[in-house]
Amino acid sequence: MSRTRLHRAAAVGLPALVMLALGLWGLDRGGMWRDEAVSYQVGRRTVPQIWRLLHDVDAVHGLYYLLLHAVLAVHPGEVVLRLPSLCAAAGTAGLVAALGMRLVRPRVGLWAGLLYAVTPMAGHYAQEGRSYAIVAAGATGATLLFVRAVQGGSWWPYGVVLGLTCWLHEFAVLLLLAHAVSLALARSPGRVWRGWGCAAVAVVLALLPMVVVSRAQAAQLAWLRAPTTETARRLLSMFLGPTDEVFWVCLGLGVLGLAGLVGRRGEVTCAGVAFPVVVLPPVALMLASQMSPLYVDRYVLYALSGAPLLVACGAERAARVARVVGRLRAGSRSRRGAPAALSDGRPHDDGRPRTPPLLPLPYGTLTGVLALALSLLHQFPLLQKDREPGHRPDDLGAVSRLAARNLPPGASVLFFPGSMRNAALTYPGAFRGIRDVALVTGAAESGTLYGREAGPVEVRRRLARLDRVWVVADGKLLAGRGAPRDPVERAKATVLGQQFVSRREAVRGGVTVRLYVRPLSGLPGPPPPPPRPERW
């Protein structure tokens, strides 16, 4: 292999290996959070059961669930669930490096790929059993194919990859806006616009069935709120670095990288590709969310790939400025009779060695890599904290262990709300032998995420026959912070409050496992002292 090919292979391979190593660290947290648990239990269903589910809920994740079905068929487990995301994140780091190398030079690609690999946001979703890291890989691959097509390649691979990516998550279609702006900044000729336009139309037409179905399932996003300026500020800090020192350095280099936003006519530049990718999809989704809330940070994870490219462009520009300053200083010394600062290291005609440049290519590359290593060390506590189970919204593995220690065999259990049944579906061993009070039809059989429950009247009737019931509940809902909207959940809350008193409880994070008993008189009587939660 020639030296040039070796440099190119290293520029792409090293970031992918670093991302893979960081992703493997702490991949087995010992528990899944609620969204991962949905991926796990849906991925283990049969294909007809998955297909039935998608008619009512989660159509946007259908292709991902089918992928997981094939993966989990090899070995169902928490680590295997996350391996597709980890491999996709490693691939994204390599693709970011390939973009920087194609648009500028290998060392810019190396810097950009390594910066992506050590970004905490990228590492977070590399360890999640959801589709977002795979969407980021597809979007970055589509951007690389976009650049190749602009430079004279074919447009159909770009359309195919972006179309599949949009079927993994429909908001990836916003990448078309970014690519259109890149063409405008490059002042591309009509031939290029026509090729891109045909690919874009094909992507949109292929996505229309998904849009129609997901629109009918929009109630799933009812929990979202309109983003604010604080939302935008938080996303910017996640893109550039959550710590102040890393953030301000990256911001400064990113602004410096914008100096190359517009290049020669018909030529896309690194900044001209990276800046629209990092800005337009989040901004477009935030603006649309002012009318109908749709925005979540993870939905625009794929835009992260533009940030390290901009920062690497700025670092390259700073290195060039340093070399120019070095030459000017060398010329000034030469005029004063000192040896000139030249770059090849050969001796002067008079036998004196020439002064080496301020940042020759190998040393400049090494300096950037060392700076990224310092960034990694500086953010190491954040990366370490992110690998703790408690850093996710919840930990259903811990909930299952809590239930296994407290629920006696044959216990009557009420899940409040019904989505808390997710823990039993994901970790059935801890709930084996219990009687699910409200359940009518199981999740897989009913084509739902958590099973079909009885109506309010039937739930009241079933609870009326019980003297003791264990409740696995959302702690906030159980404490009365937020009234349930669903009539079944309101019936559960009413019966528990009017006909039962609590006797003991155990708490883990935001989940409570509490025993309710019916007073001997059948009436609630005076309220008992508050239960003392077990310590963890």
Protein backbone atom coordinates (compact mmCIF):
# COMPACT_ATOMS: atom_id res chain seq x y z
CA MET A 1 0.00 0.00 0.00
CA SER A 2 1.34 3.44 -0.94
CA ARG A 3 1.99 6.02 1.72
CA THR A 4 -0.91 8.20 0.49
CA ARG A 5 -3.35 5.31 0.66
CA LEU A 6 -2.08 4.44 4.12
CA HIS A 7 -2.70 8.01 5.32
CA ARG A 8 -6.22 7.93 3.87
CA ALA A 9 -7.01 4.58 5.44
CA ALA A 10 -5.70 5.77 8.81
CA ALA A 11 -7.71 9.00 8.58
CA VAL A 12 -10.93 7.01 8.17
CA GLY A 13 -10.15 3.93 10.25
CA LEU A 14 -8.76 5.56 13.39
CA PRO A 15 -11.92 7.58 14.22
CA ALA A 16 -14.06 4.49 13.64
CA LEU A 17 -11.88 2.44 16.01
CA VAL A 18 -11.94 5.17 18.68
CA MET A 19 -15.75 5.39 18.45
CA LEU A 20 -15.99 1.61 18.66
CA ALA A 21 -13.74 1.47 21.74
CA LEU A 22 -15.62 4.24 23.54
CA GLY A 23 -18.94 2.62 22.65
CA LEU A 24 -17.92 -0.79 23.96
CA TRP A 25 -16.95 0.78 27.28
CA GLY A 26 -19.95 0.30 29.59
CA LEU A 27 -22.22 -1.08 26.86
CA ASP A 28 -23.76 -3.53 29.34
CA ARG A 29 -25.40 -1.24 31.90
CA GLY A 30 -27.45 -4.03 33.43
CA GLY A 31 -30.78 -2.53 32.47
CA MET A 32 -32.75 -0.93 29.63
CA TRP A 33 -34.74 2.25 29.83
CA ARG A 34 -38.32 2.41 28.57
CA ASP A 35 -37.66 3.19 24.88
CA GLU A 36 -34.96 0.53 24.63
CA ALA A 37 -37.32 -1.91 26.33
CA VAL A 38 -39.93 -1.23 23.64
CA SER A 39 -37.30 -1.94 20.96
CA TYR A 40 -36.37 -5.17 22.71
CA GLN A 41 -39.84 -6.60 23.27
CA VAL A 42 -41.14 -5.55 19.82
CA GLY A 43 -38.02 -6.88 18.09
CA ARG A 44 -38.64 -10.30 19.64
CA ARG A 45 -42.15 -10.57 18.20
CA THR A 46 -42.91 -12.40 14.98
CA VAL A 47 -42.97 -10.44 11.73
CA PRO A 48 -46.81 -10.64 11.46
CA GLN A 49 -47.10 -9.35 15.04
CA ILE A 50 -44.73 -6.45 14.27
CA TRP A 51 -46.70 -5.66 11.13
CA ARG A 52 -49.95 -5.60 13.10
CA LEU A 53 -48.45 -3.26 15.69
CA LEU A 54 -47.30 -0.77 13.04
CA HIS A 55 -50.88 -0.24 11.88
CA ASP A 56 -51.69 1.45 15.20
CA VAL A 57 -48.45 2.75 16.69
CA ASP A 58 -44.72 3.33 16.02
CA ALA A 59 -44.92 3.13 12.22
CA VAL A 60 -41.89 5.45 12.00
CA HIS A 61 -39.78 2.76 13.68
CA GLY A 62 -41.09 -0.15 11.62
CA LEU A 63 -37.97 -0.71 9.51
CA TYR A 64 -35.81 -0.55 12.64
CA TYR A 65 -37.97 -3.12 14.44
CA LEU A 66 -37.64 -5.50 11.50
CA LEU A 67 -33.86 -5.05 11.61
CA LEU A 68 -33.86 -5.82 15.33
CA HIS A 69 -36.01 -8.87 14.73
CA ALA A 70 -33.19 -10.34 12.63
CA VAL A 71 -30.48 -9.25 15.10
CA LEU A 72 -32.22 -10.52 18.25
CA ALA A 73 -32.97 -13.83 16.54
CA VAL A 74 -29.23 -14.53 16.84
CA HIS A 75 -29.16 -13.88 20.58
CA PRO A 76 -31.73 -11.88 22.58
CA GLY A 77 -29.90 -9.67 25.04
CA GLU A 78 -29.21 -6.13 26.14
CA VAL A 79 -25.75 -5.91 24.57
CA VAL A 80 -26.87 -7.42 21.26
CA LEU A 81 -29.76 -4.94 21.18
CA ARG A 82 -27.25 -2.05 21.22
CA LEU A 83 -24.70 -3.48 18.79
CA PRO A 84 -26.40 -2.09 15.63
CA SER A 85 -26.27 1.42 17.10
CA LEU A 86 -22.64 0.99 18.14
CA CYS A 87 -21.57 -0.24 14.70
CA ALA A 88 -23.52 2.58 13.05
CA ALA A 89 -21.85 5.19 15.28
CA ALA A 90 -18.40 3.81 14.43
CA GLY A 91 -19.35 3.94 10.75
CA THR A 92 -20.53 7.54 11.13
CA ALA A 93 -17.19 8.59 12.62
CA GLY A 94 -15.44 7.03 9.62
CA LEU A 95 -17.86 8.68 7.18
CA VAL A 96 -17.30 12.10 8.78
CA ALA A 97 -13.56 11.53 8.31
CA ALA A 98 -14.13 10.51 4.68
CA LEU A 99 -16.08 13.72 4.08
CA GLY A 100 -13.34 15.90 5.52
CA MET A 101 -10.71 14.03 3.54
CA ARG A 102 -12.64 14.34 0.27
CA LEU A 103 -13.48 18.01 0.72
CA VAL A 104 -10.15 19.21 2.16
CA ARG A 105 -7.36 16.78 3.02
CA PRO A 106 -6.74 13.61 5.11
CA ARG A 107 -5.73 15.35 8.30
CA VAL A 108 -8.92 17.45 8.31
CA GLY A 109 -10.88 14.23 7.94
CA LEU A 110 -8.90 12.66 10.78
CA TRP A 111 -9.58 15.60 13.09
CA ALA A 112 -13.28 15.74 12.21
CA GLY A 113 -13.77 11.98 12.64
CA LEU A 114 -11.98 11.91 16.00
CA LEU A 115 -13.93 14.92 17.23
CA TYR A 116 -17.18 13.15 16.34
CA ALA A 117 -16.01 10.01 18.15
CA VAL A 118 -15.23 11.81 21.43
CA THR A 119 -18.40 13.96 21.43
CA PRO A 120 -20.57 12.82 24.39
CA MET A 121 -23.78 13.11 22.38
CA ALA A 122 -22.49 10.66 19.76
CA GLY A 123 -21.35 8.26 22.49
CA HIS A 124 -24.71 8.46 24.24
CA TYR A 125 -26.72 7.27 21.26
CA ALA A 126 -24.06 4.74 20.26
CA GLN A 127 -25.15 2.88 23.40
CA GLU A 128 -28.91 3.02 22.88
CA GLY A 129 -31.08 0.32 21.39
CA ARG A 130 -32.93 2.82 19.19
CA SER A 131 -32.66 3.85 15.56
CA TYR A 132 -31.04 7.29 15.93
CA ALA A 133 -27.38 6.27 15.54
CA ILE A 134 -28.30 4.26 12.44
CA VAL A 135 -30.17 7.27 11.02
CA ALA A 136 -27.06 9.39 11.64
CA ALA A 137 -24.93 6.88 9.74
CA GLY A 138 -27.37 6.83 6.83
CA ALA A 139 -27.59 10.63 6.69
CA THR A 140 -23.81 11.04 6.78
CA GLY A 141 -23.39 8.40 4.10
CA ALA A 142 -26.00 10.20 1.97
CA THR A 143 -24.09 13.46 2.40
CA LEU A 144 -20.87 11.79 1.21
CA LEU A 145 -22.73 10.41 -1.82
CA PHE A 146 -24.17 13.89 -2.40
CA VAL A 147 -20.65 15.35 -2.56
CA ARG A 148 -19.54 12.61 -4.96
CA ALA A 149 -22.55 13.24 -7.19
CA VAL A 150 -21.88 16.99 -7.30
CA GLN A 151 -18.30 16.22 -8.28
CA GLY A 152 -19.47 14.14 -11.24
CA GLY A 153 -20.79 10.89 -9.77
CA SER A 154 -24.20 9.25 -10.09
CA TRP A 155 -27.24 10.50 -8.19
CA TRP A 156 -29.11 7.22 -7.76
CA PRO A 157 -26.96 5.87 -4.84
CA TYR A 158 -27.61 9.16 -3.01
CA GLY A 159 -31.37 8.82 -3.53
CA VAL A 160 -31.45 5.17 -2.43
CA VAL A 161 -29.44 5.72 0.76
CA LEU A 162 -31.33 8.85 1.77
CA GLY A 163 -34.66 7.17 1.00
CA LEU A 164 -33.85 4.20 3.26
CA THR A 165 -32.63 6.58 5.95
CA CYS A 166 -35.91 8.49 5.85
CA TRP A 167 -37.78 5.22 6.29
CA LEU A 168 -35.75 4.65 9.45
CA HIS A 169 -36.89 8.09 10.66
CA GLU A 170 -38.92 10.44 8.52
CA PHE A 171 -37.36 13.66 9.87
CA ALA A 172 -34.15 12.75 8.03
CA VAL A 173 -35.92 14.20 4.97
CA LEU A 174 -34.90 17.65 6.29
CA LEU A 175 -31.42 16.80 5.04
CA LEU A 176 -32.72 17.70 1.57
CA LEU A 177 -32.96 21.33 2.70
CA ALA A 178 -29.32 21.30 3.79
CA HIS A 179 -28.15 19.82 0.51
CA ALA A 180 -30.17 22.34 -1.50
CA VAL A 181 -28.47 25.20 0.35
CA SER A 182 -25.08 23.59 -0.27
CA LEU A 183 -25.82 23.60 -4.00
CA ALA A 184 -26.87 27.25 -3.79
CA LEU A 185 -23.66 28.21 -1.97
CA ALA A 186 -21.65 26.35 -4.62
CA ARG A 187 -23.57 28.13 -7.42
CA SER A 188 -23.96 24.75 -9.08
CA PRO A 189 -24.94 24.53 -12.77
CA GLY A 190 -28.39 23.45 -13.92
CA ARG A 191 -27.21 19.93 -14.73
CA VAL A 192 -26.35 19.34 -11.06
CA TRP A 193 -29.61 20.86 -9.85
CA ARG A 194 -31.61 18.62 -12.18
CA GLY A 195 -29.82 15.50 -10.97
CA TRP A 196 -30.34 16.43 -7.33
CA GLY A 197 -33.96 17.42 -7.97
CA CYS A 198 -34.81 14.05 -9.50
CA ALA A 199 -33.25 12.25 -6.50
CA ALA A 200 -35.06 14.54 -4.03
CA VAL A 201 -38.43 13.98 -5.70
CA ALA A 202 -37.88 10.21 -5.59
CA VAL A 203 -37.05 10.37 -1.87
CA VAL A 204 -40.14 12.44 -1.05
CA LEU A 205 -42.48 10.24 -3.11
CA ALA A 206 -41.08 7.09 -1.48
CA LEU A 207 -41.66 8.64 1.95
CA LEU A 208 -45.28 9.72 1.39
CA PRO A 209 -46.87 6.45 2.63
CA MET A 210 -44.88 6.75 5.86
CA VAL A 211 -46.00 10.36 6.30
CA VAL A 212 -49.67 9.44 5.84
CA VAL A 213 -49.52 6.59 8.38
CA SER A 214 -47.42 8.46 10.96
CA ARG A 215 -49.71 11.48 10.72
CA ALA A 216 -52.57 9.29 11.88
CA GLN A 217 -50.40 8.24 14.87
CA ALA A 218 -49.45 11.80 15.87
CA ALA A 219 -51.04 11.33 19.30
CA GLN A 220 -47.81 9.56 20.33
CA LEU A 221 -46.10 12.97 20.34
CA ALA A 222 -48.73 14.66 22.53
CA TRP A 223 -46.21 14.84 25.38
CA LEU A 224 -43.90 17.20 23.45
CA ARG A 225 -43.73 20.95 24.06
CA ALA A 226 -42.67 23.74 21.73
CA PRO A 227 -38.89 24.30 21.79
CA THR A 228 -37.49 27.54 23.18
CA THR A 229 -34.26 29.49 22.86
CA GLU A 230 -32.95 27.42 25.77
CA THR A 231 -33.64 24.28 23.70
CA ALA A 232 -31.50 25.69 20.88
CA ARG A 233 -28.72 26.68 23.30
CA ARG A 234 -28.66 23.20 24.83
CA LEU A 235 -28.48 21.55 21.42
CA LEU A 236 -25.58 23.81 20.41
CA SER A 237 -23.69 22.84 23.56
CA MET A 238 -24.29 19.15 22.85
CA PHE A 239 -22.99 19.59 19.29
CA LEU A 240 -19.85 21.54 20.22
CA GLY A 241 -19.11 20.28 23.73
CA PRO A 242 -21.04 20.29 27.01
CA THR A 243 -18.15 21.78 29.02
CA ASP A 244 -17.37 25.49 28.72
CA GLU A 245 -13.71 25.07 27.82
CA VAL A 246 -14.37 22.64 24.95
CA PHE A 247 -17.45 24.56 23.82
CA TRP A 248 -15.75 27.93 23.40
CA VAL A 249 -12.70 26.50 21.65
CA CYS A 250 -14.88 24.55 19.21
CA LEU A 251 -17.17 27.52 18.66
CA GLY A 252 -14.22 29.75 17.83
CA LEU A 253 -12.77 27.22 15.40
CA GLY A 254 -16.19 26.61 13.88
CA VAL A 255 -16.66 30.33 13.20
CA LEU A 256 -13.17 30.44 11.69
CA GLY A 257 -14.13 27.50 9.47
CA LEU A 258 -17.03 29.51 8.04
CA ALA A 259 -14.51 31.64 6.15
CA GLY A 260 -14.53 28.92 3.47
CA LEU A 261 -18.31 28.82 3.14
CA VAL A 262 -18.31 29.80 -0.55
CA GLY A 263 -15.70 28.46 -2.95
CA ARG A 264 -15.24 28.57 -6.67
CA ARG A 265 -18.32 28.41 -8.87
CA GLY A 266 -19.65 24.87 -9.08
CA GLU A 267 -17.45 23.58 -6.24
CA VAL A 268 -18.83 22.51 -2.88
CA THR A 269 -16.61 23.34 0.07
CA CYS A 270 -16.30 21.64 3.44
CA ALA A 271 -17.96 24.57 5.24
CA GLY A 272 -20.56 24.83 2.46
CA VAL A 273 -21.62 21.24 3.15
CA ALA A 274 -21.15 21.14 6.94
CA PHE A 275 -22.83 24.41 7.92
CA PRO A 276 -26.23 23.69 6.29
CA VAL A 277 -26.22 20.15 7.71
CA VAL A 278 -25.61 21.30 11.27
CA VAL A 279 -28.03 24.25 11.16
CA LEU A 280 -30.97 23.68 8.82
CA PRO A 281 -32.55 20.40 10.04
CA PRO A 282 -32.69 21.48 13.73
CA VAL A 283 -33.85 25.01 12.88
CA ALA A 284 -36.53 23.78 10.47
CA LEU A 285 -37.85 21.25 13.01
CA MET A 286 -37.84 23.83 15.81
CA LEU A 287 -39.76 26.32 13.68
CA ALA A 288 -42.32 23.70 12.65
CA SER A 289 -42.67 22.73 16.31
CA GLN A 290 -43.92 26.19 17.21
CA MET A 291 -47.21 25.24 15.53
CA SER A 292 -47.25 21.48 16.26
CA PRO A 293 -44.57 20.24 18.70
CA LEU A 294 -42.36 17.66 16.98
CA TYR A 295 -38.88 18.46 18.22
CA VAL A 296 -36.68 16.19 20.36
CA ASP A 297 -32.87 16.43 20.38
CA ARG A 298 -32.40 12.84 19.26
CA TYR A 299 -34.54 13.42 16.17
CA VAL A 300 -31.76 15.62 14.73
CA LEU A 301 -28.77 13.61 15.93
CA TYR A 302 -27.76 13.20 12.27
CA ALA A 303 -27.07 16.96 12.07
CA LEU A 304 -24.22 16.51 14.56
CA SER A 305 -21.92 15.32 11.75
CA GLY A 306 -21.63 18.87 10.42
CA ALA A 307 -20.22 20.32 13.65
CA PRO A 308 -16.86 18.44 13.76
CA LEU A 309 -16.35 19.15 10.06
CA LEU A 310 -16.73 22.88 10.67
CA VAL A 311 -14.39 22.77 13.67
CA ALA A 312 -11.79 20.78 11.70
CA CYS A 313 -12.02 23.30 8.84
CA GLY A 314 -11.37 26.08 11.34
CA ALA A 315 -8.42 24.20 12.81
CA GLU A 316 -6.96 23.72 9.33
CA ARG A 317 -7.36 27.42 8.61
CA ALA A 318 -5.69 28.26 11.92
CA ALA A 319 -2.79 25.94 11.02
CA ARG A 320 -2.39 27.71 7.67
CA VAL A 321 -2.34 31.09 9.39
CA ALA A 322 0.31 29.76 11.77
CA ARG A 323 2.44 28.65 8.82
CA VAL A 324 2.10 32.04 7.13
CA VAL A 325 3.08 33.79 10.33
CA GLY A 326 6.03 31.43 10.64
CA ARG A 327 7.19 32.25 7.10
CA LEU A 328 6.83 35.98 7.74
CA ARG A 329 8.87 35.70 10.91
CA ALA A 330 11.46 33.62 9.05
CA GLY A 331 11.63 36.23 6.27
CA SER A 332 12.08 38.97 8.84
CA ARG A 333 14.93 37.06 10.48
CA SER A 334 16.46 36.41 7.06
CA ARG A 335 16.54 40.11 6.29
CA ARG A 336 18.36 40.61 9.59
CA GLY A 337 20.93 37.99 8.59
CA ALA A 338 19.39 34.99 10.34
CA PRO A 339 18.79 31.71 8.46
CA ALA A 340 15.43 31.53 6.69
CA ALA A 341 12.67 29.31 8.05
CA LEU A 342 12.10 26.94 5.13
CA SER A 343 10.09 23.77 5.05
CA ASP A 344 12.20 20.99 3.56
CA GLY A 345 14.93 20.71 6.23
CA ARG A 346 17.86 20.57 3.70
CA PRO A 347 21.01 22.55 4.52
CA HIS A 348 21.63 26.02 3.22
CA ASP A 349 24.15 26.54 0.46
CA ASP A 350 26.60 27.68 3.11
CA GLY A 351 26.16 24.44 5.06
CA ARG A 352 23.92 25.85 7.81
CA PRO A 353 20.81 23.77 8.48
CA ARG A 354 17.55 25.36 7.48
CA THR A 355 15.11 26.20 10.25
CA PRO A 356 12.11 23.83 10.26
CA PRO A 357 8.65 25.33 9.69
CA LEU A 358 6.40 26.24 12.58
CA LEU A 359 3.91 23.41 11.87
CA PRO A 360 5.05 20.92 9.22
CA LEU A 361 2.38 18.48 8.08
CA PRO A 362 3.12 15.52 10.43
CA TYR A 363 3.55 17.77 13.44
CA GLY A 364 0.42 19.76 12.62
CA THR A 365 -1.62 16.54 12.37
CA LEU A 366 -0.15 15.26 15.63
CA THR A 367 -0.89 18.57 17.37
CA GLY A 368 -4.56 18.30 16.39
CA VAL A 369 -4.76 14.70 17.57
CA LEU A 370 -3.21 15.63 20.93
CA ALA A 371 -5.69 18.49 21.30
CA LEU A 372 -8.53 16.04 20.71
CA ALA A 373 -7.03 13.67 23.29
CA LEU A 374 -7.06 16.54 25.80
CA SER A 375 -10.69 17.21 24.90
CA LEU A 376 -11.47 13.55 25.59
CA LEU A 377 -9.73 13.67 28.96
CA HIS A 378 -11.52 16.89 29.86
CA GLN A 379 -14.91 15.35 29.07
CA PHE A 380 -14.07 11.94 30.55
CA PRO A 381 -16.19 12.47 33.73
CA LEU A 382 -19.21 13.22 31.52
CA LEU A 383 -18.62 10.09 29.45
CA GLN A 384 -18.24 8.05 32.63
CA LYS A 385 -21.45 9.43 34.11
CA ASP A 386 -23.34 8.73 30.89
CA ARG A 387 -22.59 5.03 31.29
CA GLU A 388 -24.32 4.82 34.66
CA PRO A 389 -27.82 3.25 34.53
CA GLY A 390 -29.30 6.18 36.46
CA HIS A 391 -28.30 8.62 33.72
CA ARG A 392 -31.20 7.42 31.55
CA PRO A 393 -34.78 8.53 32.27
CA ASP A 394 -35.43 5.21 34.01
CA ASP A 395 -33.94 1.75 34.50
CA LEU A 396 -36.38 -1.10 33.99
CA GLY A 397 -33.73 -3.63 34.96
CA ALA A 398 -33.64 -2.09 38.43
CA VAL A 399 -37.46 -2.02 38.52
CA SER A 400 -37.58 -5.74 37.76
CA ARG A 401 -35.09 -6.48 40.55
CA LEU A 402 -37.19 -4.34 42.88
CA ALA A 403 -40.32 -6.29 41.94
CA ALA A 404 -38.56 -9.66 42.32
CA ARG A 405 -37.61 -8.78 45.92
CA ASN A 406 -41.06 -7.53 46.92
CA LEU A 407 -43.79 -9.31 44.96
CA PRO A 408 -44.83 -12.63 46.53
CA PRO A 409 -45.85 -15.57 44.30
CA GLY A 410 -49.44 -15.27 43.08
CA ALA A 411 -49.65 -11.56 43.96
CA SER A 412 -52.27 -9.38 42.30
CA VAL A 413 -50.45 -6.54 40.50
CA LEU A 414 -51.80 -3.32 39.04
CA PHE A 415 -49.62 -1.35 36.62
CA PHE A 416 -50.23 2.39 36.93
CA PRO A 417 -50.17 3.63 34.24
CA GLY A 418 -50.46 0.64 31.91
CA SER A 419 -47.16 1.53 30.22
CA MET A 420 -45.37 0.43 33.41
CA ARG A 421 -46.12 -3.11 32.20
CA ASN A 422 -43.09 -2.52 29.96
CA ALA A 423 -40.91 -3.77 32.83
CA ALA A 424 -42.80 -7.09 32.98
CA LEU A 425 -42.68 -7.51 29.20
CA THR A 426 -38.92 -6.89 29.09
CA TYR A 427 -37.98 -8.81 32.26
CA PRO A 428 -40.74 -11.41 32.60
CA GLY A 429 -38.80 -13.57 35.06
CA ALA A 430 -39.27 -11.08 37.89
CA PHE A 431 -43.06 -11.06 37.36
CA ARG A 432 -43.60 -14.78 36.73
CA GLY A 433 -46.59 -16.15 38.63
CA ILE A 434 -48.28 -12.80 39.31
CA ARG A 435 -51.87 -11.96 38.35
CA ASP A 436 -52.15 -8.83 36.19
CA VAL A 437 -55.37 -7.24 37.46
CA ALA A 438 -56.23 -4.95 34.53
CA LEU A 439 -54.88 -6.94 31.58
CA VAL A 440 -57.29 -8.42 29.04
CA THR A 441 -55.04 -9.29 26.07
CA GLY A 442 -51.24 -9.49 25.94
CA ALA A 443 -49.13 -6.96 24.06
CA ALA A 444 -48.07 -9.16 21.13
CA GLU A 445 -51.52 -10.74 20.71
CA SER A 446 -53.34 -7.39 20.78
CA GLY A 447 -50.93 -5.61 18.43
CA THR A 448 -50.14 -2.94 21.07
CA LEU A 449 -47.01 -1.91 22.93
CA TYR A 450 -48.18 -2.75 26.45
CA GLY A 451 -51.28 -4.94 26.10
CA ARG A 452 -54.98 -4.19 26.12
CA GLU A 453 -56.57 -3.42 29.48
CA ALA A 454 -60.16 -3.71 30.66
CA GLY A 455 -62.45 -0.70 30.62
CA PRO A 456 -63.03 1.55 33.65
CA VAL A 457 -66.10 -0.35 34.89
CA GLU A 458 -64.40 -3.74 34.62
CA VAL A 459 -61.26 -2.44 36.36
CA ARG A 460 -63.39 -1.19 39.26
CA ARG A 461 -65.15 -4.56 39.45
CA ARG A 462 -61.89 -6.51 39.48
CA LEU A 463 -60.36 -4.30 42.18
CA ALA A 464 -63.54 -4.61 44.27
CA ARG A 465 -62.87 -8.35 44.65
CA LEU A 466 -59.37 -7.81 46.07
CA ASP A 467 -58.24 -7.19 49.63
CA ARG A 468 -54.57 -6.73 48.71
CA VAL A 469 -53.04 -5.39 45.52
CA TRP A 470 -49.46 -4.52 44.63
CA VAL A 471 -49.07 -1.42 42.47
CA VAL A 472 -46.09 -0.86 40.14
CA ALA A 473 -46.42 2.82 39.41
CA ASP A 474 -44.87 5.99 38.14
CA GLY A 475 -43.92 7.74 41.36
CA LYS A 476 -45.10 11.19 40.23
CA LEU A 477 -48.47 9.89 39.12
CA LEU A 478 -48.89 7.93 42.34
CA ALA A 479 -48.10 11.04 44.36
CA GLY A 480 -50.85 12.96 42.57
CA ARG A 481 -48.54 15.20 40.55
CA GLY A 482 -50.47 15.24 37.29
CA ALA A 483 -53.95 13.83 36.82
CA PRO A 484 -54.24 10.93 34.35
CA ARG A 485 -56.29 11.72 31.24
CA ASP A 486 -57.17 8.15 30.30
CA PRO A 487 -60.46 7.00 31.92
CA VAL A 488 -58.96 3.63 32.85
CA GLU A 489 -56.08 5.29 34.66
CA ARG A 490 -58.49 7.66 36.41
CA ALA A 491 -60.52 4.65 37.57
CA LYS A 492 -57.37 3.03 39.00
CA ALA A 493 -56.43 6.20 40.87
CA THR A 494 -59.96 6.68 42.23
CA VAL A 495 -60.36 3.13 43.53
CA LEU A 496 -56.92 3.07 45.14
CA GLY A 497 -57.55 6.41 46.84
CA GLN A 498 -61.07 5.62 48.07
CA GLN A 499 -61.02 1.92 48.91
CA PHE A 500 -57.41 1.06 49.86
CA VAL A 501 -54.66 2.26 52.16
CA SER A 502 -50.94 1.83 51.56
CA ARG A 503 -48.96 -0.39 53.90
CA ARG A 504 -45.41 -0.64 52.54
CA GLU A 505 -43.45 0.49 49.53
CA ALA A 506 -40.08 0.35 47.84
CA VAL A 507 -38.78 3.11 45.60
CA ARG A 508 -36.24 3.00 42.79
CA GLY A 509 -35.70 6.22 40.91
CA GLY A 510 -39.08 7.39 39.64
CA VAL A 511 -40.78 4.00 40.08
CA THR A 512 -42.64 2.88 43.20
CA VAL A 513 -43.71 -0.65 44.13
CA ARG A 514 -46.38 -0.24 46.81
CA LEU A 515 -48.70 -2.65 48.65
CA TYR A 516 -52.31 -1.49 49.07
CA VAL A 517 -54.69 -3.24 51.45
CA ARG A 518 -58.42 -2.86 52.00
CA PRO A 519 -59.38 -1.83 55.56
CA LEU A 520 -61.36 -4.45 57.49
CA SER A 521 -64.40 -2.18 57.66
CA GLY A 522 -64.35 -1.70 53.90
CA LEU A 523 -63.92 2.02 54.46
CA PRO A 524 -60.65 3.89 54.26
CA GLY A 525 -60.83 5.19 57.83
CA PRO A 526 -58.18 7.58 59.15
CA PRO A 527 -55.19 7.99 56.85
CA PRO A 528 -52.22 5.84 57.89
CA PRO A 529 -48.78 7.30 58.48
CA PRO A 530 -46.79 7.62 55.25
CA PRO A 531 -44.86 4.44 54.40
CA ARG A 532 -41.12 4.43 54.86
CA PRO A 533 -39.45 3.61 51.55
CA GLU A 534 -36.64 1.11 51.52
CA ARG A 535 -33.18 2.57 51.13
CA TRP A 536 -31.10 1.90 48.03
